[in-house]
Amino acid sequence: MVKSYSHGHEIYFDGNKWRYTDTNAAIDGQERACRRCGQMPTREGYDACLGHIAGATSACCGHGVEDPFVLLF
């Protein structure tokens, strides 16, 4: 089984869809708030606790699962 995380919530791929491990509900646009800060992503898709970081190509707060990171170009 393929597993990953979405905003700190464990998810798995059932062969057709990504689903939340705790409820088996399909993600299908049902984003959850970050497990770490409790906020939803911004309208632009940034982690709310980080916001826009000028010069960053990627950034993640870690969502309580990983260490945060910022990649600058």
N, C-alpha and C. Protein backbone atom coordinates (compact mmCIF):
# COMPACT_ATOMS: atom_id res chain seq x y z
N MET A 1 0.85 -1.17 0.00
CA MET A 1 0.00 0.00 0.00
C MET A 1 0.90 1.24 0.00
N VAL A 2 0.56 2.20 -0.82
CA VAL A 2 1.29 3.46 -0.90
C VAL A 2 0.69 4.43 0.11
N LYS A 3 1.56 4.98 0.99
CA LYS A 3 1.10 5.93 2.00
C LYS A 3 1.86 7.22 1.87
N SER A 4 1.25 8.29 2.33
CA SER A 4 1.88 9.60 2.33
C SER A 4 1.17 10.46 3.38
N TYR A 5 1.35 11.76 3.29
CA TYR A 5 0.69 12.70 4.21
C TYR A 5 0.12 13.87 3.42
N SER A 6 -0.98 14.38 3.88
CA SER A 6 -1.58 15.59 3.33
C SER A 6 -1.81 16.55 4.49
N HIS A 7 -1.02 17.58 4.57
CA HIS A 7 -1.09 18.56 5.66
C HIS A 7 -1.00 17.89 7.03
N GLY A 8 -0.18 16.84 7.12
CA GLY A 8 0.06 16.16 8.39
C GLY A 8 -0.87 15.00 8.67
N HIS A 9 -1.85 14.79 7.82
CA HIS A 9 -2.80 13.68 8.00
C HIS A 9 -2.37 12.54 7.11
N GLU A 10 -2.23 11.34 7.69
CA GLU A 10 -1.80 10.19 6.90
C GLU A 10 -2.86 9.83 5.86
N ILE A 11 -2.40 9.56 4.64
CA ILE A 11 -3.28 9.17 3.54
C ILE A 11 -2.71 7.92 2.88
N TYR A 12 -3.55 7.22 2.13
CA TYR A 12 -3.08 6.05 1.38
C TYR A 12 -3.79 6.01 0.03
N PHE A 13 -3.17 5.34 -0.93
CA PHE A 13 -3.74 5.20 -2.27
C PHE A 13 -4.36 3.81 -2.37
N ASP A 14 -5.66 3.75 -2.65
CA ASP A 14 -6.37 2.46 -2.69
C ASP A 14 -6.34 1.82 -4.08
N GLY A 15 -5.56 2.39 -4.99
CA GLY A 15 -5.51 1.90 -6.36
C GLY A 15 -6.29 2.78 -7.31
N ASN A 16 -7.21 3.56 -6.78
CA ASN A 16 -8.01 4.49 -7.58
C ASN A 16 -7.99 5.91 -7.03
N LYS A 17 -8.03 6.03 -5.70
CA LYS A 17 -8.13 7.35 -5.06
C LYS A 17 -7.23 7.41 -3.83
N TRP A 18 -6.84 8.64 -3.50
CA TRP A 18 -6.17 8.88 -2.22
C TRP A 18 -7.23 9.02 -1.14
N ARG A 19 -7.00 8.37 0.01
CA ARG A 19 -7.95 8.39 1.12
C ARG A 19 -7.24 8.69 2.43
N TYR A 20 -7.99 9.31 3.36
CA TYR A 20 -7.47 9.54 4.71
C TYR A 20 -7.46 8.20 5.44
N THR A 21 -6.35 7.88 6.09
CA THR A 21 -6.20 6.61 6.79
C THR A 21 -7.19 6.48 7.95
N ASP A 22 -7.43 7.56 8.68
CA ASP A 22 -8.27 7.47 9.88
C ASP A 22 -9.76 7.30 9.59
N THR A 23 -10.24 7.77 8.42
CA THR A 23 -11.68 7.69 8.14
C THR A 23 -12.00 6.93 6.86
N ASN A 24 -10.97 6.61 6.06
CA ASN A 24 -11.14 6.00 4.74
C ASN A 24 -11.88 6.90 3.76
N ALA A 25 -12.15 8.14 4.11
CA ALA A 25 -12.82 9.08 3.21
C ALA A 25 -11.86 9.49 2.10
N ALA A 26 -12.37 9.53 0.87
CA ALA A 26 -11.56 9.99 -0.26
C ALA A 26 -11.24 11.47 -0.08
N ILE A 27 -10.02 11.85 -0.45
CA ILE A 27 -9.63 13.25 -0.32
C ILE A 27 -10.47 14.10 -1.25
N ASP A 28 -10.54 13.76 -2.54
CA ASP A 28 -11.39 14.43 -3.54
C ASP A 28 -11.73 15.89 -3.21
N GLY A 29 -10.73 16.71 -2.97
CA GLY A 29 -10.96 18.13 -2.72
C GLY A 29 -11.39 18.45 -1.29
N GLN A 30 -11.44 17.47 -0.41
CA GLN A 30 -11.82 17.70 0.98
C GLN A 30 -10.56 17.91 1.82
N GLU A 31 -9.89 19.04 1.58
CA GLU A 31 -8.67 19.31 2.32
C GLU A 31 -8.96 19.52 3.80
N ARG A 32 -8.05 19.07 4.61
CA ARG A 32 -8.16 19.29 6.06
C ARG A 32 -7.15 20.35 6.49
N ALA A 33 -7.41 20.92 7.63
CA ALA A 33 -6.48 21.91 8.20
C ALA A 33 -5.18 21.21 8.60
N CYS A 34 -4.11 21.97 8.63
CA CYS A 34 -2.80 21.47 9.04
C CYS A 34 -2.88 20.90 10.46
N ARG A 35 -2.29 19.71 10.65
CA ARG A 35 -2.29 19.11 11.99
C ARG A 35 -1.48 19.92 12.98
N ARG A 36 -0.48 20.66 12.50
CA ARG A 36 0.40 21.42 13.39
C ARG A 36 -0.21 22.74 13.82
N CYS A 37 -0.63 23.57 12.84
CA CYS A 37 -1.09 24.92 13.18
C CYS A 37 -2.61 25.05 13.17
N GLY A 38 -3.32 24.06 12.62
CA GLY A 38 -4.78 24.09 12.61
C GLY A 38 -5.40 24.99 11.56
N GLN A 39 -4.57 25.53 10.66
CA GLN A 39 -5.08 26.43 9.63
C GLN A 39 -5.15 25.74 8.28
N MET A 40 -6.06 26.22 7.44
CA MET A 40 -6.17 25.73 6.07
C MET A 40 -5.12 26.42 5.21
N PRO A 41 -4.72 25.82 4.08
CA PRO A 41 -3.79 26.49 3.17
C PRO A 41 -4.39 27.82 2.69
N THR A 42 -3.52 28.73 2.30
CA THR A 42 -4.00 30.00 1.76
C THR A 42 -4.68 29.77 0.42
N ARG A 43 -5.36 30.76 -0.09
CA ARG A 43 -6.03 30.66 -1.39
C ARG A 43 -5.04 30.28 -2.49
N GLU A 44 -3.80 30.74 -2.35
CA GLU A 44 -2.75 30.45 -3.34
C GLU A 44 -2.14 29.06 -3.15
N GLY A 45 -2.46 28.39 -2.03
CA GLY A 45 -1.95 27.05 -1.77
C GLY A 45 -0.76 26.99 -0.83
N TYR A 46 -0.37 28.13 -0.24
CA TYR A 46 0.75 28.14 0.71
C TYR A 46 0.31 27.60 2.07
N ASP A 47 1.27 27.06 2.83
CA ASP A 47 0.98 26.72 4.22
C ASP A 47 0.67 28.03 4.94
N ALA A 48 -0.44 28.10 5.62
CA ALA A 48 -0.89 29.35 6.23
C ALA A 48 0.11 29.91 7.24
N CYS A 49 0.78 29.04 7.97
CA CYS A 49 1.71 29.52 8.99
C CYS A 49 3.01 30.06 8.38
N LEU A 50 3.27 29.74 7.09
CA LEU A 50 4.44 30.27 6.41
C LEU A 50 4.09 31.44 5.49
N GLY A 51 2.94 31.35 4.83
CA GLY A 51 2.56 32.38 3.87
C GLY A 51 3.50 32.39 2.68
N HIS A 52 3.52 33.50 1.95
CA HIS A 52 4.40 33.64 0.78
C HIS A 52 5.81 33.93 1.24
N ILE A 53 6.79 33.20 0.71
CA ILE A 53 8.20 33.44 1.01
C ILE A 53 8.87 33.83 -0.30
N ALA A 54 9.25 35.09 -0.41
CA ALA A 54 9.86 35.60 -1.64
C ALA A 54 11.10 34.78 -1.99
N GLY A 55 11.20 34.38 -3.26
CA GLY A 55 12.36 33.63 -3.74
C GLY A 55 12.30 32.14 -3.51
N ALA A 56 11.28 31.66 -2.81
CA ALA A 56 11.18 30.22 -2.52
C ALA A 56 10.57 29.48 -3.71
N THR A 57 11.15 28.33 -4.04
CA THR A 57 10.55 27.46 -5.06
C THR A 57 9.67 26.41 -4.39
N SER A 58 9.97 26.09 -3.15
CA SER A 58 9.17 25.15 -2.36
C SER A 58 9.35 25.50 -0.89
N ALA A 59 8.30 25.26 -0.10
CA ALA A 59 8.37 25.47 1.34
C ALA A 59 7.29 24.64 2.01
N CYS A 60 7.59 24.12 3.19
CA CYS A 60 6.62 23.32 3.93
C CYS A 60 6.89 23.48 5.42
N CYS A 61 5.83 23.65 6.20
CA CYS A 61 5.99 23.81 7.65
C CYS A 61 6.25 22.47 8.33
N GLY A 62 6.09 21.36 7.59
CA GLY A 62 6.30 20.03 8.15
C GLY A 62 5.04 19.41 8.70
N HIS A 63 4.04 20.21 8.98
CA HIS A 63 2.72 19.75 9.44
C HIS A 63 2.77 18.83 10.65
N GLY A 64 3.81 18.95 11.46
CA GLY A 64 3.93 18.13 12.65
C GLY A 64 4.44 16.73 12.38
N VAL A 65 4.79 16.44 11.11
CA VAL A 65 5.27 15.12 10.73
C VAL A 65 6.76 15.16 10.39
N GLU A 66 7.17 16.19 9.67
CA GLU A 66 8.55 16.37 9.22
C GLU A 66 9.08 17.70 9.72
N ASP A 67 10.38 17.91 9.55
CA ASP A 67 10.97 19.21 9.84
C ASP A 67 10.56 20.19 8.75
N PRO A 68 10.35 21.45 9.08
CA PRO A 68 10.03 22.45 8.05
C PRO A 68 11.23 22.66 7.12
N PHE A 69 10.94 23.12 5.89
CA PHE A 69 12.03 23.44 4.96
C PHE A 69 11.61 24.56 4.02
N VAL A 70 12.60 25.23 3.45
CA VAL A 70 12.39 26.25 2.42
C VAL A 70 13.50 26.04 1.39
N LEU A 71 13.13 25.94 0.11
CA LEU A 71 14.09 25.86 -0.97
C LEU A 71 14.06 27.17 -1.74
N LEU A 72 15.20 27.82 -1.82
CA LEU A 72 15.30 29.10 -2.53
C LEU A 72 16.05 28.87 -3.84
N PHE A 73 15.68 29.66 -4.84
CA PHE A 73 16.41 29.53 -6.12
C PHE A 73 17.44 30.60 -6.26
